[in-house]
């Protein structure tokens, strides 16, 4: 399937350049890499919309966080039932281990999302 045609008014055909210090250029490149966009898109959004574009999130991270949230909801439901006496109190120790493990996974994911290997 071909890309849809862009009208002449919407086509970005004009090139504009400006000078930066090396530190400003590095800052722009780092910001663009962090957000997951090209430096030109970051600069254009900031100039014309007054804000930076929303950062792109890897689909793996989105799926992982969604699954972890579902696990957390399920654990909370089970803990409520244990506290109300519907399940034996022995389950509480196991659930606390699972909660700590979930926290460890979240911390590792957050740390990994900031790594350069991403």
C-alpha atoms as a PDB file:
ATOM      1  CA  UNK A   1       0.000   0.000   0.000  1.00  0.00           C
ATOM      2  CA  UNK A   2       1.410   3.365  -1.019  1.00  0.00           C
ATOM      3  CA  UNK A   3       1.857   6.276   1.326  1.00  0.00           C
ATOM      4  CA  UNK A   4      -1.029   8.781   1.057  1.00  0.00           C
ATOM      5  CA  UNK A   5      -0.334  11.923  -0.957  1.00  0.00           C
ATOM      6  CA  UNK A   6       0.378  15.086   1.013  1.00  0.00           C
ATOM      7  CA  UNK A   7      -1.088  18.355  -0.209  1.00  0.00           C
ATOM      8  CA  UNK A   8       1.311  21.040  -1.409  1.00  0.00           C
ATOM      9  CA  UNK A   9       0.428  23.248   1.597  1.00  0.00           C
ATOM     10  CA  UNK A  10       1.327  20.466   4.065  1.00  0.00           C
ATOM     11  CA  UNK A  11       4.512  19.354   2.286  1.00  0.00           C
ATOM     12  CA  UNK A  12       7.686  20.304   4.160  1.00  0.00           C
ATOM     13  CA  UNK A  13       9.781  21.536   1.268  1.00  0.00           C
ATOM     14  CA  UNK A  14      11.473  24.574   2.842  1.00  0.00           C
ATOM     15  CA  UNK A  15      14.790  23.971   4.563  1.00  0.00           C
ATOM     16  CA  UNK A  16      15.757  26.202   7.498  1.00  0.00           C
ATOM     17  CA  UNK A  17      19.003  25.992   9.412  1.00  0.00           C
ATOM     18  CA  UNK A  18      20.370  27.755  12.475  1.00  0.00           C
ATOM     19  CA  UNK A  19      23.581  27.660  14.435  1.00  0.00           C
ATOM     20  CA  UNK A  20      24.113  25.913  17.762  1.00  0.00           C
ATOM     21  CA  UNK A  21      27.031  25.517  20.075  1.00  0.00           C
ATOM     22  CA  UNK A  22      28.414  22.000  20.301  1.00  0.00           C
ATOM     23  CA  UNK A  23      26.909  21.681  23.790  1.00  0.00           C
ATOM     24  CA  UNK A  24      23.473  22.750  22.490  1.00  0.00           C
ATOM     25  CA  UNK A  25      23.740  20.304  19.604  1.00  0.00           C
ATOM     26  CA  UNK A  26      24.655  17.453  21.949  1.00  0.00           C
ATOM     27  CA  UNK A  27      21.758  18.380  24.225  1.00  0.00           C
ATOM     28  CA  UNK A  28      19.339  18.384  21.260  1.00  0.00           C
ATOM     29  CA  UNK A  29      20.655  15.027  20.009  1.00  0.00           C
ATOM     30  CA  UNK A  30      20.426  13.450  23.479  1.00  0.00           C
ATOM     31  CA  UNK A  31      16.901  14.773  23.950  1.00  0.00           C
ATOM     32  CA  UNK A  32      15.869  13.478  20.522  1.00  0.00           C
ATOM     33  CA  UNK A  33      17.349  10.059  21.262  1.00  0.00           C
ATOM     34  CA  UNK A  34      15.624   9.911  24.633  1.00  0.00           C
ATOM     35  CA  UNK A  35      12.266  10.814  23.105  1.00  0.00           C
ATOM     36  CA  UNK A  36      12.769   8.494  20.133  1.00  0.00           C
ATOM     37  CA  UNK A  37      12.416  11.161  17.426  1.00  0.00           C
ATOM     38  CA  UNK A  38      14.680  12.924  14.938  1.00  0.00           C
ATOM     39  CA  UNK A  39      16.232  16.182  16.200  1.00  0.00           C
ATOM     40  CA  UNK A  40      14.302  18.194  13.603  1.00  0.00           C
ATOM     41  CA  UNK A  41      10.969  16.856  14.830  1.00  0.00           C
ATOM     42  CA  UNK A  42      11.860  17.680  18.434  1.00  0.00           C
ATOM     43  CA  UNK A  43      12.888  21.238  17.537  1.00  0.00           C
ATOM     44  CA  UNK A  44       9.834  21.784  15.297  1.00  0.00           C
ATOM     45  CA  UNK A  45       7.410  20.576  17.986  1.00  0.00           C
ATOM     46  CA  UNK A  46       9.027  22.755  20.642  1.00  0.00           C
ATOM     47  CA  UNK A  47       8.993  25.835  18.398  1.00  0.00           C
ATOM     48  CA  UNK A  48       5.485  25.539  16.976  1.00  0.00           C
ATOM     49  CA  UNK A  49       3.582  23.647  19.672  1.00  0.00           C
ATOM     50  CA  UNK A  50       5.473  24.994  22.672  1.00  0.00           C
ATOM     51  CA  UNK A  51       6.177  21.539  24.068  1.00  0.00           C
ATOM     52  CA  UNK A  52       8.287  18.497  23.367  1.00  0.00           C
ATOM     53  CA  UNK A  53       6.710  15.471  21.676  1.00  0.00           C
ATOM     54  CA  UNK A  54       5.572  12.634  23.918  1.00  0.00           C
ATOM     55  CA  UNK A  55       8.338  10.031  24.263  1.00  0.00           C
ATOM     56  CA  UNK A  56       7.904   6.812  22.372  1.00  0.00           C
ATOM     57  CA  UNK A  57       7.634   3.762  24.607  1.00  0.00           C
ATOM     58  CA  UNK A  58       8.812   0.400  23.380  1.00  0.00           C
ATOM     59  CA  UNK A  59       5.936  -2.021  22.792  1.00  0.00           C
ATOM     60  CA  UNK A  60       7.686  -4.561  25.003  1.00  0.00           C
ATOM     61  CA  UNK A  61       7.735  -2.085  27.877  1.00  0.00           C
ATOM     62  CA  UNK A  62       4.073  -1.195  27.364  1.00  0.00           C
ATOM     63  CA  UNK A  63       3.100  -4.857  27.369  1.00  0.00           C
ATOM     64  CA  UNK A  64       5.305  -5.637  30.382  1.00  0.00           C
ATOM     65  CA  UNK A  65       3.932  -2.747  32.438  1.00  0.00           C
ATOM     66  CA  UNK A  66       0.374  -3.712  31.483  1.00  0.00           C
ATOM     67  CA  UNK A  67       0.967  -7.305  32.588  1.00  0.00           C
ATOM     68  CA  UNK A  68       2.623  -6.195  35.832  1.00  0.00           C
ATOM     69  CA  UNK A  69      -0.332  -3.938  36.570  1.00  0.00           C
ATOM     70  CA  UNK A  70      -2.739  -6.843  36.040  1.00  0.00           C
ATOM     71  CA  UNK A  71      -0.640  -9.025  38.363  1.00  0.00           C
ATOM     72  CA  UNK A  72      -0.642  -6.258  40.983  1.00  0.00           C
ATOM     73  CA  UNK A  73      -4.430  -5.943  40.796  1.00  0.00           C
ATOM     74  CA  UNK A  74      -4.820  -9.700  41.241  1.00  0.00           C
ATOM     75  CA  UNK A  75      -2.422  -9.721  44.204  1.00  0.00           C
ATOM     76  CA  UNK A  76      -4.335  -6.898  45.858  1.00  0.00           C
ATOM     77  CA  UNK A  77      -7.615  -8.778  45.427  1.00  0.00           C
ATOM     78  CA  UNK A  78      -6.131 -11.909  47.029  1.00  0.00           C
ATOM     79  CA  UNK A  79      -4.648  -9.907  49.935  1.00  0.00           C
ATOM     80  CA  UNK A  80      -8.077  -8.363  50.617  1.00  0.00           C
ATOM     81  CA  UNK A  81      -9.616 -11.839  50.740  1.00  0.00           C
ATOM     82  CA  UNK A  82      -6.891 -13.092  53.082  1.00  0.00           C
ATOM     83  CA  UNK A  83      -7.471 -10.129  55.387  1.00  0.00           C
ATOM     84  CA  UNK A  84     -11.222 -10.774  55.365  1.00  0.00           C
ATOM     85  CA  UNK A  85     -10.646 -14.430  56.327  1.00  0.00           C
ATOM     86  CA  UNK A  86     -11.668 -16.037  53.034  1.00  0.00           C
ATOM     87  CA  UNK A  87      -8.190 -17.566  52.494  1.00  0.00           C
ATOM     88  CA  UNK A  88      -5.773 -19.030  55.044  1.00  0.00           C
ATOM     89  CA  UNK A  89      -3.245 -16.618  56.558  1.00  0.00           C
ATOM     90  CA  UNK A  90      -0.366 -18.811  55.267  1.00  0.00           C
ATOM     91  CA  UNK A  91      -0.887 -17.342  51.815  1.00  0.00           C
ATOM     92  CA  UNK A  92       0.110 -13.909  53.067  1.00  0.00           C
ATOM     93  CA  UNK A  93       3.841 -14.777  53.255  1.00  0.00           C
ATOM     94  CA  UNK A  94       3.815 -16.114  49.708  1.00  0.00           C
ATOM     95  CA  UNK A  95       1.989 -13.047  48.464  1.00  0.00           C
ATOM     96  CA  UNK A  96       4.478 -10.741  50.143  1.00  0.00           C
ATOM     97  CA  UNK A  97       7.290 -12.579  48.333  1.00  0.00           C
ATOM     98  CA  UNK A  98       5.449 -12.118  45.044  1.00  0.00           C
ATOM     99  CA  UNK A  99       4.937  -8.404  45.716  1.00  0.00           C
ATOM    100  CA  UNK A 100       8.648  -7.956  46.447  1.00  0.00           C
ATOM    101  CA  UNK A 101       9.510  -9.873  43.270  1.00  0.00           C
ATOM    102  CA  UNK A 102       7.157  -7.649  41.279  1.00  0.00           C
ATOM    103  CA  UNK A 103       8.815  -4.544  42.737  1.00  0.00           C
ATOM    104  CA  UNK A 104      12.249  -5.922  41.791  1.00  0.00           C
ATOM    105  CA  UNK A 105      11.082  -6.493  38.213  1.00  0.00           C
ATOM    106  CA  UNK A 106       9.713  -2.959  37.960  1.00  0.00           C
ATOM    107  CA  UNK A 107      12.964  -1.494  39.282  1.00  0.00           C
ATOM    108  CA  UNK A 108      14.982  -3.526  36.769  1.00  0.00           C
ATOM    109  CA  UNK A 109      12.693  -2.429  33.929  1.00  0.00           C
ATOM    110  CA  UNK A 110      12.993   1.211  34.903  1.00  0.00           C
ATOM    111  CA  UNK A 111      16.761   0.891  35.164  1.00  0.00           C
ATOM    112  CA  UNK A 112      16.940  -0.903  31.797  1.00  0.00           C
ATOM    113  CA  UNK A 113      14.822   1.763  30.072  1.00  0.00           C
ATOM    114  CA  UNK A 114      17.550   4.294  30.887  1.00  0.00           C
ATOM    115  CA  UNK A 115      20.431   2.159  29.615  1.00  0.00           C
ATOM    116  CA  UNK A 116      22.342   2.927  26.437  1.00  0.00           C
ATOM    117  CA  UNK A 117      21.689  -0.553  25.016  1.00  0.00           C
ATOM    118  CA  UNK A 118      18.085   0.294  24.403  1.00  0.00           C
END
